[in-house]
Amino acid sequence: NLKPEDTGVYSCGATSCTGGAMGRGPFGSWGQ
């Protein structure tokens, strides 16, 4: 059910992750 506001670049990386929050960025450098 993608929406126009979903448009953009998606990247992934190791980060903190709980049921209520996640990290603001990866622990390392940003990947492509």
PDB file of all heavy atoms in Angstrom:
ATOM      1  N   ASN A   1       0.822  -1.208   0.000  1.00  0.00           N
ATOM      2  CA  ASN A   1       0.000   0.000   0.000  1.00  0.00           C
ATOM      3  C   ASN A   1       0.858   1.261   0.000  1.00  0.00           C
ATOM      4  O   ASN A   1       0.640   2.187   0.785  1.00  0.00           O
ATOM      5  CB  ASN A   1      -0.951   0.005   1.201  1.00  0.00           C
ATOM      6  CG  ASN A   1      -1.843  -1.216   1.261  1.00  0.00           C
ATOM      7  OD1 ASN A   1      -1.863  -1.947   2.246  1.00  0.00           O
ATOM      8  ND2 ASN A   1      -2.590  -1.435   0.186  1.00  0.00           N
ATOM      9  N   LEU A   2       1.802   1.287  -0.896  1.00  0.00           N
ATOM     10  CA  LEU A   2       2.747   2.395  -0.938  1.00  0.00           C
ATOM     11  C   LEU A   2       2.060   3.710  -1.275  1.00  0.00           C
ATOM     12  O   LEU A   2       1.112   3.756  -2.061  1.00  0.00           O
ATOM     13  CB  LEU A   2       3.845   2.101  -1.950  1.00  0.00           C
ATOM     14  CG  LEU A   2       4.891   1.104  -1.446  1.00  0.00           C
ATOM     15  CD1 LEU A   2       5.663   0.502  -2.604  1.00  0.00           C
ATOM     16  CD2 LEU A   2       5.839   1.791  -0.468  1.00  0.00           C
ATOM     17  N   LYS A   3       2.576   4.773  -0.676  1.00  0.00           N
ATOM     18  CA  LYS A   3       2.050   6.116  -0.851  1.00  0.00           C
ATOM     19  C   LYS A   3       3.124   7.016  -1.444  1.00  0.00           C
ATOM     20  O   LYS A   3       4.313   6.739  -1.304  1.00  0.00           O
ATOM     21  CB  LYS A   3       1.597   6.690   0.495  1.00  0.00           C
ATOM     22  CG  LYS A   3       0.552   5.864   1.215  1.00  0.00           C
ATOM     23  CD  LYS A   3       0.232   6.455   2.575  1.00  0.00           C
ATOM     24  CE  LYS A   3      -0.824   5.641   3.297  1.00  0.00           C
ATOM     25  NZ  LYS A   3      -1.138   6.216   4.632  1.00  0.00           N
ATOM     26  N   PRO A   4       2.728   8.107  -2.080  1.00  0.00           N
ATOM     27  CA  PRO A   4       3.734   9.019  -2.641  1.00  0.00           C
ATOM     28  C   PRO A   4       4.753   9.501  -1.605  1.00  0.00           C
ATOM     29  O   PRO A   4       5.928   9.682  -1.948  1.00  0.00           O
ATOM     30  CB  PRO A   4       2.887  10.177  -3.176  1.00  0.00           C
ATOM     31  CG  PRO A   4       1.596   9.537  -3.548  1.00  0.00           C
ATOM     32  CD  PRO A   4       1.356   8.504  -2.473  1.00  0.00           C
ATOM     33  N   GLU A   5       4.343   9.694  -0.369  1.00  0.00           N
ATOM     34  CA  GLU A   5       5.266  10.145   0.658  1.00  0.00           C
ATOM     35  C   GLU A   5       6.301   9.099   1.042  1.00  0.00           C
ATOM     36  O   GLU A   5       7.258   9.404   1.758  1.00  0.00           O
ATOM     37  CB  GLU A   5       4.517  10.623   1.908  1.00  0.00           C
ATOM     38  CG  GLU A   5       3.515   9.619   2.449  1.00  0.00           C
ATOM     39  CD  GLU A   5       2.097   9.899   1.991  1.00  0.00           C
ATOM     40  OE1 GLU A   5       1.901  10.192   0.792  1.00  0.00           O
ATOM     41  OE2 GLU A   5       1.178   9.839   2.831  1.00  0.00           O
ATOM     42  N   ASP A   6       6.125   7.860   0.584  1.00  0.00           N
ATOM     43  CA  ASP A   6       7.130   6.831   0.803  1.00  0.00           C
ATOM     44  C   ASP A   6       8.310   6.973  -0.153  1.00  0.00           C
ATOM     45  O   ASP A   6       9.322   6.284   0.018  1.00  0.00           O
ATOM     46  CB  ASP A   6       6.524   5.435   0.629  1.00  0.00           C
ATOM     47  CG  ASP A   6       5.457   5.127   1.661  1.00  0.00           C
ATOM     48  OD1 ASP A   6       5.627   5.500   2.834  1.00  0.00           O
ATOM     49  OD2 ASP A   6       4.446   4.489   1.283  1.00  0.00           O
ATOM     50  N   THR A   7       8.173   7.820  -1.131  1.00  0.00           N
ATOM     51  CA  THR A   7       9.232   8.037  -2.108  1.00  0.00           C
ATOM     52  C   THR A   7      10.523   8.493  -1.433  1.00  0.00           C
ATOM     53  O   THR A   7      10.502   9.299  -0.499  1.00  0.00           O
ATOM     54  CB  THR A   7       8.799   9.079  -3.146  1.00  0.00           C
ATOM     55  OG1 THR A   7       7.736   8.535  -3.939  1.00  0.00           O
ATOM     56  CG2 THR A   7       9.946   9.468  -4.064  1.00  0.00           C
ATOM     57  N   GLY A   8      11.635   7.972  -1.895  1.00  0.00           N
ATOM     58  CA  GLY A   8      12.924   8.376  -1.376  1.00  0.00           C
ATOM     59  C   GLY A   8      13.919   7.240  -1.424  1.00  0.00           C
ATOM     60  O   GLY A   8      13.673   6.192  -2.011  1.00  0.00           O
ATOM     61  N   VAL A   9      15.039   7.470  -0.789  1.00  0.00           N
ATOM     62  CA  VAL A   9      16.107   6.477  -0.738  1.00  0.00           C
ATOM     63  C   VAL A   9      16.010   5.697   0.564  1.00  0.00           C
ATOM     64  O   VAL A   9      15.925   6.280   1.645  1.00  0.00           O
ATOM     65  CB  VAL A   9      17.489   7.149  -0.858  1.00  0.00           C
ATOM     66  CG1 VAL A   9      18.593   6.112  -0.700  1.00  0.00           C
ATOM     67  CG2 VAL A   9      17.617   7.866  -2.192  1.00  0.00           C
ATOM     68  N   TYR A  10      16.038   4.392   0.438  1.00  0.00           N
ATOM     69  CA  TYR A  10      16.003   3.511   1.600  1.00  0.00           C
ATOM     70  C   TYR A  10      17.364   2.860   1.789  1.00  0.00           C
ATOM     71  O   TYR A  10      17.933   2.299   0.859  1.00  0.00           O
ATOM     72  CB  TYR A  10      14.923   2.441   1.426  1.00  0.00           C
ATOM     73  CG  TYR A  10      13.527   2.987   1.577  1.00  0.00           C
ATOM     74  CD1 TYR A  10      12.934   3.683   0.534  1.00  0.00           C
ATOM     75  CD2 TYR A  10      12.814   2.824   2.761  1.00  0.00           C
ATOM     76  CE1 TYR A  10      11.658   4.219   0.672  1.00  0.00           C
ATOM     77  CE2 TYR A  10      11.540   3.345   2.908  1.00  0.00           C
ATOM     78  CZ  TYR A  10      10.965   4.043   1.859  1.00  0.00           C
ATOM     79  OH  TYR A  10       9.705   4.565   2.001  1.00  0.00           O
ATOM     80  N   SER A  11      17.860   2.932   3.000  1.00  0.00           N
ATOM     81  CA  SER A  11      19.136   2.329   3.325  1.00  0.00           C
ATOM     82  C   SER A  11      18.992   1.513   4.599  1.00  0.00           C
ATOM     83  O   SER A  11      18.001   1.633   5.322  1.00  0.00           O
ATOM     84  CB  SER A  11      20.225   3.395   3.484  1.00  0.00           C
ATOM     85  OG  SER A  11      19.867   4.347   4.471  1.00  0.00           O
ATOM     86  N   CYS A  12      19.967   0.691   4.868  1.00  0.00           N
ATOM     87  CA  CYS A  12      19.896  -0.168   6.041  1.00  0.00           C
ATOM     88  C   CYS A  12      21.232  -0.206   6.755  1.00  0.00           C
ATOM     89  O   CYS A  12      22.279   0.097   6.177  1.00  0.00           O
ATOM     90  CB  CYS A  12      19.452  -1.586   5.654  1.00  0.00           C
ATOM     91  SG  CYS A  12      20.514  -2.413   4.451  1.00  0.00           S
ATOM     92  N   GLY A  13      21.185  -0.574   8.018  1.00  0.00           N
ATOM     93  CA  GLY A  13      22.398  -0.686   8.798  1.00  0.00           C
ATOM     94  C   GLY A  13      22.114  -1.190  10.192  1.00  0.00           C
ATOM     95  O   GLY A  13      20.966  -1.188  10.651  1.00  0.00           O
ATOM     96  N   ALA A  14      23.150  -1.627  10.865  1.00  0.00           N
ATOM     97  CA  ALA A  14      23.021  -2.059  12.251  1.00  0.00           C
ATOM     98  C   ALA A  14      22.642  -0.863  13.113  1.00  0.00           C
ATOM     99  O   ALA A  14      23.196   0.230  12.959  1.00  0.00           O
ATOM    100  CB  ALA A  14      24.320  -2.672  12.742  1.00  0.00           C
ATOM    101  N   THR A  15      21.706  -1.065  14.027  1.00  0.00           N
ATOM    102  CA  THR A  15      21.236   0.020  14.859  1.00  0.00           C
ATOM    103  C   THR A  15      20.615  -0.553  16.123  1.00  0.00           C
ATOM    104  O   THR A  15      20.417  -1.756  16.247  1.00  0.00           O
ATOM    105  CB  THR A  15      20.211   0.874  14.088  1.00  0.00           C
ATOM    106  OG1 THR A  15      19.928   2.071  14.816  1.00  0.00           O
ATOM    107  CG2 THR A  15      18.915   0.101  13.867  1.00  0.00           C
ATOM    108  N   SER A  16      20.325   0.313  17.073  1.00  0.00           N
ATOM    109  CA  SER A  16      19.592  -0.126  18.250  1.00  0.00           C
ATOM    110  C   SER A  16      18.145  -0.365  17.864  1.00  0.00           C
ATOM    111  O   SER A  16      17.616   0.293  16.955  1.00  0.00           O
ATOM    112  CB  SER A  16      19.694   0.910  19.366  1.00  0.00           C
ATOM    113  OG  SER A  16      19.151   2.153  18.963  1.00  0.00           O
ATOM    114  N   CYS A  17      17.504  -1.292  18.547  1.00  0.00           N
ATOM    115  CA  CYS A  17      16.143  -1.657  18.166  1.00  0.00           C
ATOM    116  C   CYS A  17      15.403  -2.239  19.358  1.00  0.00           C
ATOM    117  O   CYS A  17      15.796  -3.272  19.903  1.00  0.00           O
ATOM    118  CB  CYS A  17      16.178  -2.665  17.014  1.00  0.00           C
ATOM    119  SG  CYS A  17      14.557  -3.098  16.333  1.00  0.00           S
ATOM    120  N   THR A  18      14.339  -1.573  19.758  1.00  0.00           N
ATOM    121  CA  THR A  18      13.445  -2.069  20.785  1.00  0.00           C
ATOM    122  C   THR A  18      12.034  -2.032  20.233  1.00  0.00           C
ATOM    123  O   THR A  18      11.789  -1.526  19.141  1.00  0.00           O
ATOM    124  CB  THR A  18      13.524  -1.230  22.068  1.00  0.00           C
ATOM    125  OG1 THR A  18      12.962   0.065  21.826  1.00  0.00           O
ATOM    126  CG2 THR A  18      14.967  -1.075  22.534  1.00  0.00           C
ATOM    127  N   GLY A  19      11.097  -2.536  21.007  1.00  0.00           N
ATOM    128  CA  GLY A  19       9.722  -2.504  20.556  1.00  0.00           C
ATOM    129  C   GLY A  19       9.145  -1.109  20.445  1.00  0.00           C
ATOM    130  O   GLY A  19       8.164  -0.906  19.726  1.00  0.00           O
ATOM    131  N   GLY A  20       9.748  -0.149  21.144  1.00  0.00           N
ATOM    132  CA  GLY A  20       9.221   1.198  21.166  1.00  0.00           C
ATOM    133  C   GLY A  20      10.056   2.251  20.487  1.00  0.00           C
ATOM    134  O   GLY A  20       9.634   3.400  20.382  1.00  0.00           O
ATOM    135  N   ALA A  21      11.251   1.880  20.014  1.00  0.00           N
ATOM    136  CA  ALA A  21      12.126   2.873  19.399  1.00  0.00           C
ATOM    137  C   ALA A  21      13.229   2.189  18.614  1.00  0.00           C
ATOM    138  O   ALA A  21      13.515   1.003  18.806  1.00  0.00           O
ATOM    139  CB  ALA A  21      12.734   3.787  20.460  1.00  0.00           C
ATOM    140  N   MET A  22      13.852   2.949  17.736  1.00  0.00           N
ATOM    141  CA  MET A  22      15.016   2.479  17.004  1.00  0.00           C
ATOM    142  C   MET A  22      16.029   3.601  16.920  1.00  0.00           C
ATOM    143  O   MET A  22      15.717   4.765  17.170  1.00  0.00           O
ATOM    144  CB  MET A  22      14.644   1.988  15.604  1.00  0.00           C
ATOM    145  CG  MET A  22      14.138   3.077  14.671  1.00  0.00           C
ATOM    146  SD  MET A  22      13.781   2.449  12.993  1.00  0.00           S
ATOM    147  CE  MET A  22      15.460   2.116  12.402  1.00  0.00           C
ATOM    148  N   GLY A  23      17.238   3.259  16.564  1.00  0.00           N
ATOM    149  CA  GLY A  23      18.280   4.250  16.450  1.00  0.00           C
ATOM    150  C   GLY A  23      18.013   5.242  15.345  1.00  0.00           C
ATOM    151  O   GLY A  23      17.276   4.971  14.393  1.00  0.00           O
ATOM    152  N   ARG A  24      18.624   6.405  15.467  1.00  0.00           N
ATOM    153  CA  ARG A  24      18.452   7.456  14.467  1.00  0.00           C
ATOM    154  C   ARG A  24      19.313   7.216  13.232  1.00  0.00           C
ATOM    155  O   ARG A  24      19.117   7.876  12.211  1.00  0.00           O
ATOM    156  CB  ARG A  24      18.774   8.823  15.065  1.00  0.00           C
ATOM    157  CG  ARG A  24      17.830   9.237  16.186  1.00  0.00           C
ATOM    158  CD  ARG A  24      18.052  10.691  16.585  1.00  0.00           C
ATOM    159  NE  ARG A  24      19.405  10.937  17.040  1.00  0.00           N
ATOM    160  CZ  ARG A  24      19.814  10.751  18.289  1.00  0.00           C
ATOM    161  NH1 ARG A  24      18.965  10.313  19.210  1.00  0.00           N
ATOM    162  NH2 ARG A  24      21.077  10.996  18.611  1.00  0.00           N
ATOM    163  N   GLY A  25      20.257   6.314  13.339  1.00  0.00           N
ATOM    164  CA  GLY A  25      21.122   5.996  12.225  1.00  0.00           C
ATOM    165  C   GLY A  25      21.890   4.730  12.501  1.00  0.00           C
ATOM    166  O   GLY A  25      21.780   4.147  13.578  1.00  0.00           O
ATOM    167  N   PRO A  26      22.665   4.274  11.550  1.00  0.00           N
ATOM    168  CA  PRO A  26      23.448   3.059  11.756  1.00  0.00           C
ATOM    169  C   PRO A  26      24.623   3.308  12.681  1.00  0.00           C
ATOM    170  O   PRO A  26      25.085   4.438  12.836  1.00  0.00           O
ATOM    171  CB  PRO A  26      23.909   2.708  10.347  1.00  0.00           C
ATOM    172  CG  PRO A  26      24.025   4.036   9.664  1.00  0.00           C
ATOM    173  CD  PRO A  26      22.883   4.855  10.214  1.00  0.00           C
ATOM    174  N   PHE A  27      25.105   2.232  13.300  1.00  0.00           N
ATOM    175  CA  PHE A  27      26.281   2.354  14.151  1.00  0.00           C
ATOM    176  C   PHE A  27      27.512   2.742  13.342  1.00  0.00           C
ATOM    177  O   PHE A  27      28.371   3.478  13.817  1.00  0.00           O
ATOM    178  CB  PHE A  27      26.536   1.046  14.891  1.00  0.00           C
ATOM    179  CG  PHE A  27      25.503   0.707  15.917  1.00  0.00           C
ATOM    180  CD1 PHE A  27      24.980  -0.584  16.005  1.00  0.00           C
ATOM    181  CD2 PHE A  27      25.043   1.658  16.809  1.00  0.00           C
ATOM    182  CE1 PHE A  27      24.031  -0.907  16.956  1.00  0.00           C
ATOM    183  CE2 PHE A  27      24.087   1.349  17.766  1.00  0.00           C
ATOM    184  CZ  PHE A  27      23.582   0.058  17.839  1.00  0.00           C
ATOM    185  N   GLY A  28      27.608   2.237  12.139  1.00  0.00           N
ATOM    186  CA  GLY A  28      28.716   2.563  11.266  1.00  0.00           C
ATOM    187  C   GLY A  28      28.346   3.644  10.278  1.00  0.00           C
ATOM    188  O   GLY A  28      27.442   4.449  10.503  1.00  0.00           O
ATOM    189  N   SER A  29      29.054   3.663   9.177  1.00  0.00           N
ATOM    190  CA  SER A  29      28.784   4.650   8.144  1.00  0.00           C
ATOM    191  C   SER A  29      27.531   4.278   7.357  1.00  0.00           C
ATOM    192  O   SER A  29      27.106   3.124   7.339  1.00  0.00           O
ATOM    193  CB  SER A  29      29.982   4.764   7.204  1.00  0.00           C
ATOM    194  OG  SER A  29      30.245   3.527   6.561  1.00  0.00           O
ATOM    195  N   TRP A  30      26.961   5.289   6.708  1.00  0.00           N
ATOM    196  CA  TRP A  30      25.791   5.042   5.875  1.00  0.00           C
ATOM    197  C   TRP A  30      26.180   4.243   4.640  1.00  0.00           C
ATOM    198  O   TRP A  30      27.165   4.546   3.973  1.00  0.00           O
ATOM    199  CB  TRP A  30      25.158   6.366   5.445  1.00  0.00           C
ATOM    200  CG  TRP A  30      24.517   7.122   6.559  1.00  0.00           C
ATOM    201  CD1 TRP A  30      25.039   8.165   7.259  1.00  0.00           C
ATOM    202  CD2 TRP A  30      23.212   6.894   7.096  1.00  0.00           C
ATOM    203  NE1 TRP A  30      24.143   8.605   8.202  1.00  0.00           N
ATOM    204  CE2 TRP A  30      23.013   7.845   8.125  1.00  0.00           C
ATOM    205  CE3 TRP A  30      22.195   5.984   6.811  1.00  0.00           C
ATOM    206  CZ2 TRP A  30      21.839   7.917   8.871  1.00  0.00           C
ATOM    207  CZ3 TRP A  30      21.020   6.046   7.551  1.00  0.00           C
ATOM    208  CH2 TRP A  30      20.852   7.003   8.569  1.00  0.00           C
ATOM    209  N   GLY A  31      25.395   3.242   4.342  1.00  0.00           N
ATOM    210  CA  GLY A  31      25.618   2.465   3.139  1.00  0.00           C
ATOM    211  C   GLY A  31      24.844   3.033   1.969  1.00  0.00           C
ATOM    212  O   GLY A  31      24.008   3.926   2.118  1.00  0.00           O
ATOM    213  N   GLN A  32      25.123   2.532   0.803  1.00  0.00           N
ATOM    214  CA  GLN A  32      24.405   2.959  -0.381  1.00  0.00           C
ATOM    215  C   GLN A  32      22.961   2.464  -0.308  1.00  0.00           C
ATOM    216  O   GLN A  32      22.705   1.300  -0.029  1.00  0.00           O
ATOM    217  CB  GLN A  32      25.077   2.417  -1.634  1.00  0.00           C
ATOM    218  CG  GLN A  32      24.435   2.891  -2.922  1.00  0.00           C
ATOM    219  CD  GLN A  32      25.172   2.403  -4.149  1.00  0.00           C
ATOM    220  OE1 GLN A  32      26.134   1.644  -4.045  1.00  0.00           O
ATOM    221  NE2 GLN A  32      24.722   2.824  -5.312  1.00  0.00           N
TER     222      GLN A  32
END
